[in-house]
N, C-alpha and C. Protein backbone atom coordinates (compact mmCIF):
# COMPACT_ATOMS: atom_id res chain seq x y z
N MET A 1 0.84 -1.18 0.00
CA MET A 1 0.00 0.00 0.00
C MET A 1 0.89 1.25 0.00
N PRO A 2 0.52 2.23 -0.81
CA PRO A 2 1.33 3.45 -0.90
C PRO A 2 1.32 4.26 0.39
N THR A 3 2.41 5.00 0.61
CA THR A 3 2.46 5.94 1.71
C THR A 3 2.39 7.36 1.15
N VAL A 4 1.77 8.23 1.91
CA VAL A 4 1.66 9.65 1.58
C VAL A 4 2.31 10.41 2.73
N LYS A 5 3.25 11.31 2.39
CA LYS A 5 3.87 12.17 3.39
C LYS A 5 3.45 13.60 3.10
N ALA A 6 2.81 14.22 4.10
CA ALA A 6 2.30 15.58 3.94
C ALA A 6 2.17 16.24 5.31
N GLU A 7 2.57 17.50 5.41
CA GLU A 7 2.42 18.30 6.62
C GLU A 7 2.98 17.59 7.86
N GLY A 8 4.14 16.95 7.69
CA GLY A 8 4.79 16.29 8.81
C GLY A 8 4.17 14.97 9.22
N LYS A 9 3.23 14.47 8.45
CA LYS A 9 2.54 13.22 8.75
C LYS A 9 2.85 12.19 7.67
N THR A 10 2.79 10.93 8.03
CA THR A 10 2.92 9.84 7.07
C THR A 10 1.76 8.89 7.29
N PHE A 11 1.07 8.55 6.21
CA PHE A 11 -0.06 7.64 6.32
C PHE A 11 -0.13 6.78 5.07
N ILE A 12 -0.90 5.72 5.14
CA ILE A 12 -1.03 4.80 4.01
C ILE A 12 -2.42 4.94 3.39
N CYS A 13 -2.51 4.49 2.14
CA CYS A 13 -3.80 4.49 1.45
C CYS A 13 -3.81 3.37 0.42
N GLU A 14 -4.96 3.13 -0.13
CA GLU A 14 -5.10 2.16 -1.21
C GLU A 14 -4.49 2.73 -2.49
N SER A 15 -3.94 1.90 -3.31
CA SER A 15 -3.47 2.34 -4.62
C SER A 15 -4.67 2.78 -5.44
N GLY A 16 -4.57 3.95 -6.06
CA GLY A 16 -5.67 4.52 -6.83
C GLY A 16 -6.55 5.47 -6.05
N ALA A 17 -6.24 5.65 -4.76
CA ALA A 17 -7.03 6.56 -3.91
C ALA A 17 -6.85 8.01 -4.36
N ASN A 18 -7.89 8.80 -4.13
CA ASN A 18 -7.86 10.23 -4.45
C ASN A 18 -7.01 10.95 -3.41
N LEU A 19 -5.99 11.70 -3.87
CA LEU A 19 -5.06 12.35 -2.96
C LEU A 19 -5.75 13.36 -2.04
N ARG A 20 -6.64 14.17 -2.57
CA ARG A 20 -7.36 15.15 -1.74
C ARG A 20 -8.10 14.46 -0.60
N GLN A 21 -8.84 13.42 -0.93
CA GLN A 21 -9.65 12.73 0.08
C GLN A 21 -8.76 12.05 1.12
N VAL A 22 -7.67 11.45 0.67
CA VAL A 22 -6.75 10.79 1.59
C VAL A 22 -6.18 11.80 2.58
N MET A 23 -5.77 12.97 2.08
CA MET A 23 -5.20 13.98 2.97
C MET A 23 -6.26 14.51 3.95
N LEU A 24 -7.45 14.82 3.45
CA LEU A 24 -8.52 15.30 4.33
C LEU A 24 -8.86 14.25 5.39
N ASP A 25 -8.93 12.99 4.99
CA ASP A 25 -9.25 11.91 5.93
C ASP A 25 -8.20 11.76 7.03
N ASN A 26 -6.98 12.24 6.75
CA ASN A 26 -5.88 12.12 7.71
C ASN A 26 -5.51 13.45 8.36
N GLY A 27 -6.43 14.41 8.32
CA GLY A 27 -6.24 15.66 9.03
C GLY A 27 -5.32 16.67 8.37
N VAL A 28 -5.07 16.52 7.09
CA VAL A 28 -4.24 17.48 6.35
C VAL A 28 -5.17 18.39 5.55
N ASP A 29 -5.15 19.67 5.85
CA ASP A 29 -6.00 20.63 5.16
C ASP A 29 -5.34 21.03 3.84
N VAL A 30 -5.98 20.72 2.74
CA VAL A 30 -5.42 21.02 1.42
C VAL A 30 -5.75 22.43 0.95
N TYR A 31 -6.53 23.17 1.75
CA TYR A 31 -6.96 24.51 1.36
C TYR A 31 -6.30 25.58 2.23
N ASN A 32 -6.17 26.77 1.67
CA ASN A 32 -5.61 27.91 2.39
C ASN A 32 -6.72 28.91 2.70
N GLY A 33 -6.80 29.33 3.95
CA GLY A 33 -7.74 30.37 4.35
C GLY A 33 -9.18 30.06 3.98
N ALA A 34 -9.84 31.06 3.35
CA ALA A 34 -11.25 30.95 2.99
C ALA A 34 -11.52 29.87 1.96
N ALA A 35 -10.47 29.39 1.29
CA ALA A 35 -10.66 28.32 0.31
C ALA A 35 -11.18 27.04 0.96
N SER A 36 -11.02 26.92 2.27
CA SER A 36 -11.55 25.73 2.94
C SER A 36 -13.08 25.73 2.94
N VAL A 37 -13.68 26.89 2.72
CA VAL A 37 -15.13 27.01 2.63
C VAL A 37 -15.58 27.20 1.18
N ILE A 38 -14.83 28.00 0.45
CA ILE A 38 -15.17 28.33 -0.93
C ILE A 38 -14.32 27.48 -1.86
N ASN A 39 -14.80 26.29 -2.20
CA ASN A 39 -14.09 25.41 -3.12
C ASN A 39 -15.11 24.54 -3.85
N CYS A 40 -14.65 23.80 -4.82
CA CYS A 40 -15.57 23.00 -5.66
C CYS A 40 -15.81 21.60 -5.11
N HIS A 41 -15.28 21.30 -3.93
CA HIS A 41 -15.48 20.01 -3.27
C HIS A 41 -14.98 18.82 -4.08
N GLY A 42 -13.87 19.04 -4.78
CA GLY A 42 -13.22 17.93 -5.48
C GLY A 42 -13.61 17.71 -6.92
N HIS A 43 -14.25 18.68 -7.54
CA HIS A 43 -14.68 18.52 -8.93
C HIS A 43 -13.64 18.99 -9.95
N GLY A 44 -12.54 19.61 -9.47
CA GLY A 44 -11.46 20.01 -10.36
C GLY A 44 -11.67 21.33 -11.06
N THR A 45 -12.62 22.13 -10.59
CA THR A 45 -12.93 23.37 -11.31
C THR A 45 -12.40 24.63 -10.62
N CYS A 46 -12.17 24.60 -9.31
CA CYS A 46 -11.78 25.84 -8.62
C CYS A 46 -10.27 26.06 -8.58
N GLY A 47 -9.50 25.01 -8.44
CA GLY A 47 -8.05 25.14 -8.41
C GLY A 47 -7.46 25.44 -7.05
N THR A 48 -8.26 25.42 -5.97
CA THR A 48 -7.76 25.81 -4.65
C THR A 48 -7.00 24.70 -3.92
N CYS A 49 -7.06 23.48 -4.39
CA CYS A 49 -6.38 22.37 -3.71
C CYS A 49 -5.03 22.05 -4.35
N ALA A 50 -4.45 23.03 -5.05
CA ALA A 50 -3.19 22.82 -5.75
C ALA A 50 -2.06 22.53 -4.77
N VAL A 51 -1.26 21.51 -5.09
CA VAL A 51 -0.11 21.11 -4.28
C VAL A 51 1.01 20.67 -5.21
N GLN A 52 2.21 20.59 -4.66
CA GLN A 52 3.34 20.00 -5.38
C GLN A 52 3.39 18.55 -4.96
N VAL A 53 3.38 17.63 -5.91
CA VAL A 53 3.38 16.20 -5.60
C VAL A 53 4.58 15.56 -6.29
N GLU A 54 5.28 14.74 -5.53
CA GLU A 54 6.38 13.96 -6.09
C GLU A 54 6.11 12.50 -5.79
N GLY A 55 6.32 11.66 -6.78
CA GLY A 55 6.11 10.23 -6.60
C GLY A 55 5.18 9.67 -7.65
N ALA A 56 4.70 8.47 -7.39
CA ALA A 56 3.88 7.73 -8.35
C ALA A 56 2.42 8.15 -8.26
N VAL A 57 2.00 8.97 -9.22
CA VAL A 57 0.61 9.43 -9.30
C VAL A 57 0.11 9.32 -10.73
N SER A 58 -1.20 9.45 -10.87
CA SER A 58 -1.82 9.41 -12.19
C SER A 58 -1.35 10.59 -13.04
N PRO A 59 -1.33 10.41 -14.35
CA PRO A 59 -0.94 11.53 -15.23
C PRO A 59 -2.02 12.61 -15.24
N ILE A 60 -1.61 13.80 -15.57
CA ILE A 60 -2.54 14.92 -15.65
C ILE A 60 -3.49 14.70 -16.83
N GLU A 61 -4.79 14.94 -16.60
CA GLU A 61 -5.79 14.79 -17.65
C GLU A 61 -6.33 16.15 -18.05
N TRP A 62 -7.20 16.19 -19.04
CA TRP A 62 -7.60 17.45 -19.68
C TRP A 62 -8.24 18.45 -18.72
N LEU A 63 -9.13 18.00 -17.81
CA LEU A 63 -9.79 18.93 -16.90
C LEU A 63 -8.77 19.64 -16.01
N GLU A 64 -7.89 18.87 -15.41
CA GLU A 64 -6.87 19.43 -14.53
C GLU A 64 -5.90 20.32 -15.33
N LYS A 65 -5.49 19.86 -16.47
CA LYS A 65 -4.57 20.65 -17.30
C LYS A 65 -5.20 21.97 -17.71
N THR A 66 -6.48 21.95 -18.04
CA THR A 66 -7.19 23.17 -18.42
C THR A 66 -7.23 24.15 -17.25
N ARG A 67 -7.60 23.67 -16.06
CA ARG A 67 -7.70 24.56 -14.90
C ARG A 67 -6.34 25.13 -14.52
N LEU A 68 -5.31 24.30 -14.57
CA LEU A 68 -3.97 24.76 -14.20
C LEU A 68 -3.34 25.65 -15.28
N SER A 69 -3.98 25.74 -16.43
CA SER A 69 -3.50 26.63 -17.50
C SER A 69 -4.06 28.04 -17.34
N LEU A 70 -5.02 28.22 -16.44
CA LEU A 70 -5.67 29.51 -16.23
C LEU A 70 -5.11 30.22 -15.00
N PRO A 71 -4.98 31.56 -15.06
CA PRO A 71 -4.50 32.32 -13.91
C PRO A 71 -5.41 32.08 -12.69
N PRO A 72 -4.85 32.09 -11.52
CA PRO A 72 -3.48 32.46 -11.19
C PRO A 72 -2.48 31.31 -11.30
N HIS A 73 -2.90 30.16 -11.77
CA HIS A 73 -1.99 29.03 -11.92
C HIS A 73 -1.19 29.14 -13.21
N ALA A 74 -0.15 28.32 -13.29
CA ALA A 74 0.67 28.20 -14.49
C ALA A 74 1.18 26.77 -14.54
N LEU A 75 0.98 26.10 -15.65
CA LEU A 75 1.39 24.70 -15.77
C LEU A 75 2.87 24.50 -15.45
N GLU A 76 3.68 25.49 -15.80
CA GLU A 76 5.12 25.34 -15.60
C GLU A 76 5.53 25.30 -14.12
N ASN A 77 4.62 25.66 -13.21
CA ASN A 77 4.91 25.56 -11.78
C ASN A 77 4.96 24.11 -11.31
N GLY A 78 4.36 23.21 -12.08
CA GLY A 78 4.39 21.80 -11.74
C GLY A 78 3.43 21.40 -10.63
N ARG A 79 2.51 22.26 -10.29
CA ARG A 79 1.54 21.92 -9.25
C ARG A 79 0.46 21.01 -9.84
N ARG A 80 -0.21 20.31 -8.96
CA ARG A 80 -1.32 19.44 -9.35
C ARG A 80 -2.52 19.77 -8.47
N LEU A 81 -3.72 19.51 -8.97
CA LEU A 81 -4.93 19.62 -8.17
C LEU A 81 -5.08 18.31 -7.42
N SER A 82 -4.98 18.36 -6.11
CA SER A 82 -5.02 17.12 -5.33
C SER A 82 -6.30 16.34 -5.56
N CYS A 83 -7.38 17.03 -5.92
CA CYS A 83 -8.66 16.36 -6.15
C CYS A 83 -8.67 15.55 -7.45
N GLN A 84 -7.70 15.76 -8.30
CA GLN A 84 -7.64 15.06 -9.58
C GLN A 84 -6.53 14.02 -9.63
N VAL A 85 -5.78 13.90 -8.55
CA VAL A 85 -4.61 13.01 -8.50
C VAL A 85 -4.98 11.69 -7.83
N LYS A 86 -4.62 10.60 -8.50
CA LYS A 86 -4.75 9.27 -7.91
C LYS A 86 -3.37 8.83 -7.43
N VAL A 87 -3.30 8.36 -6.20
CA VAL A 87 -2.05 7.88 -5.63
C VAL A 87 -1.80 6.46 -6.14
N LEU A 88 -0.68 6.27 -6.82
CA LEU A 88 -0.36 4.96 -7.39
C LEU A 88 0.81 4.30 -6.67
N GLY A 89 1.55 5.08 -5.90
CA GLY A 89 2.70 4.58 -5.14
C GLY A 89 3.04 5.62 -4.09
N ASP A 90 4.21 5.51 -3.49
CA ASP A 90 4.62 6.44 -2.45
C ASP A 90 4.73 7.86 -3.00
N VAL A 91 4.19 8.83 -2.25
CA VAL A 91 4.24 10.23 -2.68
C VAL A 91 4.57 11.16 -1.52
N THR A 92 5.13 12.32 -1.88
CA THR A 92 5.34 13.40 -0.93
C THR A 92 4.60 14.62 -1.45
N VAL A 93 4.06 15.41 -0.53
CA VAL A 93 3.23 16.56 -0.91
C VAL A 93 3.73 17.81 -0.19
N THR A 94 3.82 18.91 -0.94
CA THR A 94 4.19 20.22 -0.41
C THR A 94 3.08 21.20 -0.75
N LYS A 95 2.71 22.06 0.21
CA LYS A 95 1.66 23.04 0.01
C LYS A 95 2.24 24.45 0.03
N TYR A 96 1.79 25.28 -0.91
CA TYR A 96 2.25 26.65 -1.03
C TYR A 96 1.18 27.64 -0.61
N ASP A 97 1.61 28.86 -0.34
CA ASP A 97 0.74 29.93 0.11
C ASP A 97 -0.12 30.47 -1.04
N GLY A 98 -1.06 31.33 -0.70
CA GLY A 98 -1.96 31.93 -1.68
C GLY A 98 -3.30 31.23 -1.64
N PHE A 99 -4.36 31.96 -1.92
CA PHE A 99 -5.71 31.40 -1.91
C PHE A 99 -5.78 30.12 -2.75
N TRP A 100 -5.11 30.14 -3.88
CA TRP A 100 -5.14 29.02 -4.83
C TRP A 100 -3.97 28.07 -4.64
N GLY A 101 -3.09 28.36 -3.68
CA GLY A 101 -1.88 27.55 -3.51
C GLY A 101 -0.86 27.84 -4.59
N GLN A 102 -0.93 29.03 -5.16
CA GLN A 102 -0.12 29.36 -6.33
C GLN A 102 1.16 30.13 -6.02
N ASP A 103 1.30 30.65 -4.80
CA ASP A 103 2.46 31.49 -4.48
C ASP A 103 3.74 30.66 -4.36
N ASP A 104 4.86 31.35 -4.15
CA ASP A 104 6.16 30.70 -4.05
C ASP A 104 6.54 30.30 -2.63
N ARG A 105 5.88 30.88 -1.62
CA ARG A 105 6.22 30.59 -0.23
C ARG A 105 5.61 29.26 0.21
N VAL A 106 6.45 28.39 0.73
CA VAL A 106 6.01 27.07 1.20
C VAL A 106 5.27 27.22 2.52
N LEU A 107 4.09 26.62 2.62
CA LEU A 107 3.33 26.59 3.88
C LEU A 107 3.71 25.38 4.72
N TRP A 108 3.77 24.23 4.09
CA TRP A 108 4.22 23.02 4.77
C TRP A 108 4.86 22.07 3.76
N THR A 109 5.69 21.19 4.30
CA THR A 109 6.40 20.22 3.47
C THR A 109 6.00 18.81 3.91
N PRO A 110 6.50 17.81 3.21
CA PRO A 110 6.20 16.44 3.66
C PRO A 110 6.68 16.18 5.08
N GLU A 111 7.80 16.80 5.45
CA GLU A 111 8.41 16.54 6.76
C GLU A 111 8.00 17.52 7.84
N GLN A 112 7.49 18.69 7.46
CA GLN A 112 7.28 19.74 8.44
C GLN A 112 5.89 20.36 8.34
N ALA A 113 5.20 20.42 9.47
CA ALA A 113 3.90 21.06 9.54
C ALA A 113 4.08 22.57 9.66
N VAL A 114 3.00 23.29 9.57
CA VAL A 114 3.01 24.75 9.70
C VAL A 114 3.51 25.16 11.07
């Protein structure tokens, strides 16, 4: 079973599990500020659950690619929408500042909580 490291926590999940749901289920808030209330609830349309993911995950598909192509996001940042990512193996997750998670300042890392 894959491990997910995020916000100083390590937990396991089923292969193919949705990254957003796995993190929420394990007490990791994928949203910044008011985005925890104002979001699309995992439909891939708002862009507020953006994170940096390293490891074995599903490839980016058209919905996620389209959303990440629109401001304030930029595909070249390499962020992913956690609601659109399937965990396929061990992964590490980093969260950035900004309502959309688009800024350059790191909020938390796989090893360190806020």
